[in-house]
Amino acid sequence: MSAMIEFTVEGLPPKKYGANSMWRKATEIPRLIALREKAYEALGGHSSFTGRLKLTLILYSDSNTNGDLDNFITGICDGLMAADGKTPIDEISWPVNSPIHPSKKLIYFDDRDIYEIIAARRPSDGNGNHYYIKLEAENWQSSLLDTLPPPLYNPNLPA
């Protein structure tokens, strides 16, 4: 059985850059809250995903100076799972009993379960900065991996 959720978030996605934690950055906390609230709503009370995942992201923005697409992808991937237990959390911004608290896994346990990412930046459609996310689990059909050429070296084939 496969599972899928999709949702749209107003504003820009959270950005992760370098080894610095985004969970305490004043610019990223509202973005993380918006992402996690919409993801929680999209789950509709169902449990988080397990198995192989496919993430699709479409960012609508008229500016390419507000962040690199790869930093937004990393921010989203990290933002949909629990923060590392050693990460200090600003409890004023993140109420402990909230279902979107960073200590709680939201969509998946670990973003290592993401096997395919499709991402694009598009000009705004007149609705300001916003982004669309679709997550598919388990029996999703690969749109990219099935079209890749075979590997150049396969140790299981005779030389």
Protein backbone atom coordinates (compact mmCIF):
# COMPACT_ATOMS: atom_id res chain seq x y z
CA MET A 1 0.00 0.00 0.00
CA SER A 2 1.30 3.45 -0.79
CA ALA A 3 0.65 6.72 0.99
CA MET A 4 0.81 10.28 -0.23
CA ILE A 5 0.29 13.75 1.19
CA GLU A 6 0.52 17.11 -0.49
CA PHE A 7 0.26 20.64 0.80
CA THR A 8 1.14 24.25 0.04
CA VAL A 9 2.88 26.63 2.46
CA GLU A 10 2.86 30.43 2.22
CA GLY A 11 6.25 32.15 2.39
CA LEU A 12 9.68 30.67 1.85
CA PRO A 13 10.78 27.23 3.08
CA PRO A 14 13.20 26.90 5.99
CA LYS A 15 16.83 27.09 4.92
CA LYS A 16 19.65 25.02 6.26
CA TYR A 17 23.13 26.18 5.45
CA GLY A 18 26.27 24.54 6.69
CA ALA A 19 26.43 22.74 9.99
CA ASN A 20 24.53 25.51 11.79
CA SER A 21 21.23 24.51 13.36
CA MET A 22 18.18 26.16 11.87
CA TRP A 23 15.99 25.29 14.89
CA ARG A 24 17.11 28.40 16.86
CA LYS A 25 17.53 30.92 14.06
CA ALA A 26 15.02 33.78 14.32
CA THR A 27 14.56 33.84 10.53
CA GLU A 28 13.97 30.10 10.27
CA ILE A 29 11.67 29.40 13.26
CA PRO A 30 8.54 30.94 11.62
CA ARG A 31 9.33 29.05 8.41
CA LEU A 32 9.75 25.78 10.31
CA ILE A 33 6.50 26.36 12.20
CA ALA A 34 4.61 27.06 8.95
CA LEU A 35 6.07 23.93 7.30
CA ARG A 36 5.36 21.67 10.26
CA GLU A 37 1.81 23.03 10.77
CA LYS A 38 0.87 22.38 7.12
CA ALA A 39 2.49 18.94 7.16
CA TYR A 40 0.67 18.04 10.38
CA GLU A 41 -2.64 19.18 8.86
CA ALA A 42 -1.96 17.16 5.70
CA LEU A 43 -1.30 14.01 7.76
CA GLY A 44 -4.83 14.35 9.09
CA GLY A 45 -4.15 12.36 12.24
CA HIS A 46 -2.45 9.48 10.41
CA SER A 47 0.89 8.14 11.56
CA SER A 48 4.17 9.22 10.01
CA PHE A 49 5.53 7.56 6.88
CA THR A 50 7.80 4.52 6.80
CA GLY A 51 9.75 3.00 3.96
CA ARG A 52 11.23 4.62 0.89
CA LEU A 53 10.03 8.16 0.23
CA LYS A 54 9.82 10.47 -2.75
CA LEU A 55 9.76 14.25 -2.16
CA THR A 56 8.54 16.75 -4.74
CA LEU A 57 9.10 20.47 -4.10
CA ILE A 58 8.02 23.38 -6.27
CA LEU A 59 9.10 26.78 -4.96
CA TYR A 60 7.26 29.80 -6.37
CA SER A 61 9.35 32.94 -6.02
CA ASP A 62 10.24 35.85 -8.28
CA SER A 63 13.64 36.21 -6.67
CA ASN A 64 16.58 33.87 -6.79
CA THR A 65 18.44 35.92 -4.18
CA ASN A 66 16.37 34.64 -1.24
CA GLY A 67 18.26 31.35 -1.02
CA ASP A 68 19.67 28.44 -2.95
CA LEU A 69 17.24 25.69 -3.90
CA ASP A 70 19.48 23.02 -2.34
CA ASN A 71 19.47 24.86 1.02
CA PHE A 72 15.66 24.97 0.94
CA ILE A 73 15.54 21.24 0.13
CA THR A 74 17.77 20.46 3.11
CA GLY A 75 15.70 22.72 5.37
CA ILE A 76 12.50 20.94 4.35
CA CYS A 77 13.98 17.46 4.69
CA ASP A 78 15.33 18.21 8.16
CA GLY A 79 12.25 20.20 9.13
CA LEU A 80 9.87 17.29 8.59
CA MET A 81 11.65 15.02 11.07
CA ALA A 82 12.54 15.50 14.72
CA ALA A 83 15.47 17.76 15.53
CA ASP A 84 18.55 16.05 16.90
CA GLY A 85 18.13 15.43 20.64
CA LYS A 86 21.23 17.52 21.38
CA THR A 87 19.82 20.56 19.58
CA PRO A 88 18.83 23.31 22.04
CA ILE A 89 15.25 24.40 21.38
CA ASP A 90 13.79 27.82 22.17
CA GLU A 91 10.76 26.71 24.21
CA ILE A 92 9.14 30.15 23.92
CA SER A 93 8.79 29.67 20.15
CA TRP A 94 8.09 25.95 20.41
CA PRO A 95 5.54 25.03 23.11
CA VAL A 96 6.42 21.59 24.52
CA ASN A 97 2.95 20.09 24.18
CA SER A 98 2.57 21.13 20.55
CA PRO A 99 2.23 18.28 18.02
CA ILE A 100 4.69 20.17 15.79
CA HIS A 101 7.38 20.55 18.50
CA PRO A 102 10.87 19.84 17.06
CA SER A 103 11.34 16.94 19.49
CA LYS A 104 8.60 15.04 17.65
CA LYS A 105 9.05 13.26 14.37
CA LEU A 106 6.43 14.59 12.04
CA ILE A 107 6.46 12.91 8.64
CA TYR A 108 9.30 10.39 8.95
CA PHE A 109 11.88 9.20 11.46
CA ASP A 110 14.91 10.05 9.32
CA ASP A 111 15.30 11.85 6.01
CA ARG A 112 17.66 9.05 4.92
CA ASP A 113 14.44 7.33 3.85
CA ILE A 114 14.08 9.84 1.01
CA TYR A 115 15.27 8.06 -2.13
CA GLU A 116 14.14 10.55 -4.75
CA ILE A 117 13.82 14.33 -4.75
CA ILE A 118 12.31 16.38 -7.54
CA ALA A 119 12.68 20.12 -7.02
CA ALA A 120 12.10 23.23 -9.08
CA ARG A 121 11.98 27.00 -8.66
CA ARG A 122 9.26 28.70 -10.67
CA PRO A 123 8.28 32.37 -11.05
CA SER A 124 5.55 33.38 -8.63
CA ASP A 125 2.04 32.77 -9.92
CA GLY A 126 0.81 36.06 -8.47
CA ASN A 127 0.40 34.69 -4.95
CA GLY A 128 3.76 35.78 -3.53
CA ASN A 129 6.39 33.37 -2.24
CA HIS A 130 4.99 29.93 -1.52
CA TYR A 131 5.87 26.30 -2.06
CA TYR A 132 4.18 23.01 -2.83
CA ILE A 133 5.27 19.70 -1.32
CA LYS A 134 4.22 16.19 -2.19
CA LEU A 135 5.52 13.19 -0.26
CA GLU A 136 4.93 9.66 -1.46
CA ALA A 137 5.79 6.53 0.49
CA GLU A 138 6.46 2.87 -0.22
CA ASN A 139 5.07 1.87 -3.62
CA TRP A 140 5.69 5.13 -5.40
CA GLN A 141 6.68 5.00 -9.05
CA SER A 142 10.04 6.55 -9.81
CA SER A 143 9.88 9.16 -12.53
CA LEU A 144 13.62 9.75 -12.65
CA LEU A 145 15.44 6.64 -11.46
CA ASP A 146 13.83 4.36 -14.05
CA THR A 147 15.16 6.53 -16.87
CA LEU A 148 18.80 6.56 -15.76
CA PRO A 149 21.32 4.55 -17.79
CA PRO A 150 22.74 1.39 -16.22
CA PRO A 151 25.83 1.81 -14.07
CA LEU A 152 29.17 1.74 -15.87
CA TYR A 153 30.53 -0.88 -13.49
CA ASN A 154 28.57 -3.75 -12.07
CA PRO A 155 30.61 -6.14 -9.89
CA ASN A 156 27.98 -8.87 -10.39
CA LEU A 157 28.56 -9.11 -14.13
CA PRO A 158 31.46 -11.05 -15.66
CA ALA A 159 34.29 -8.88 -16.96
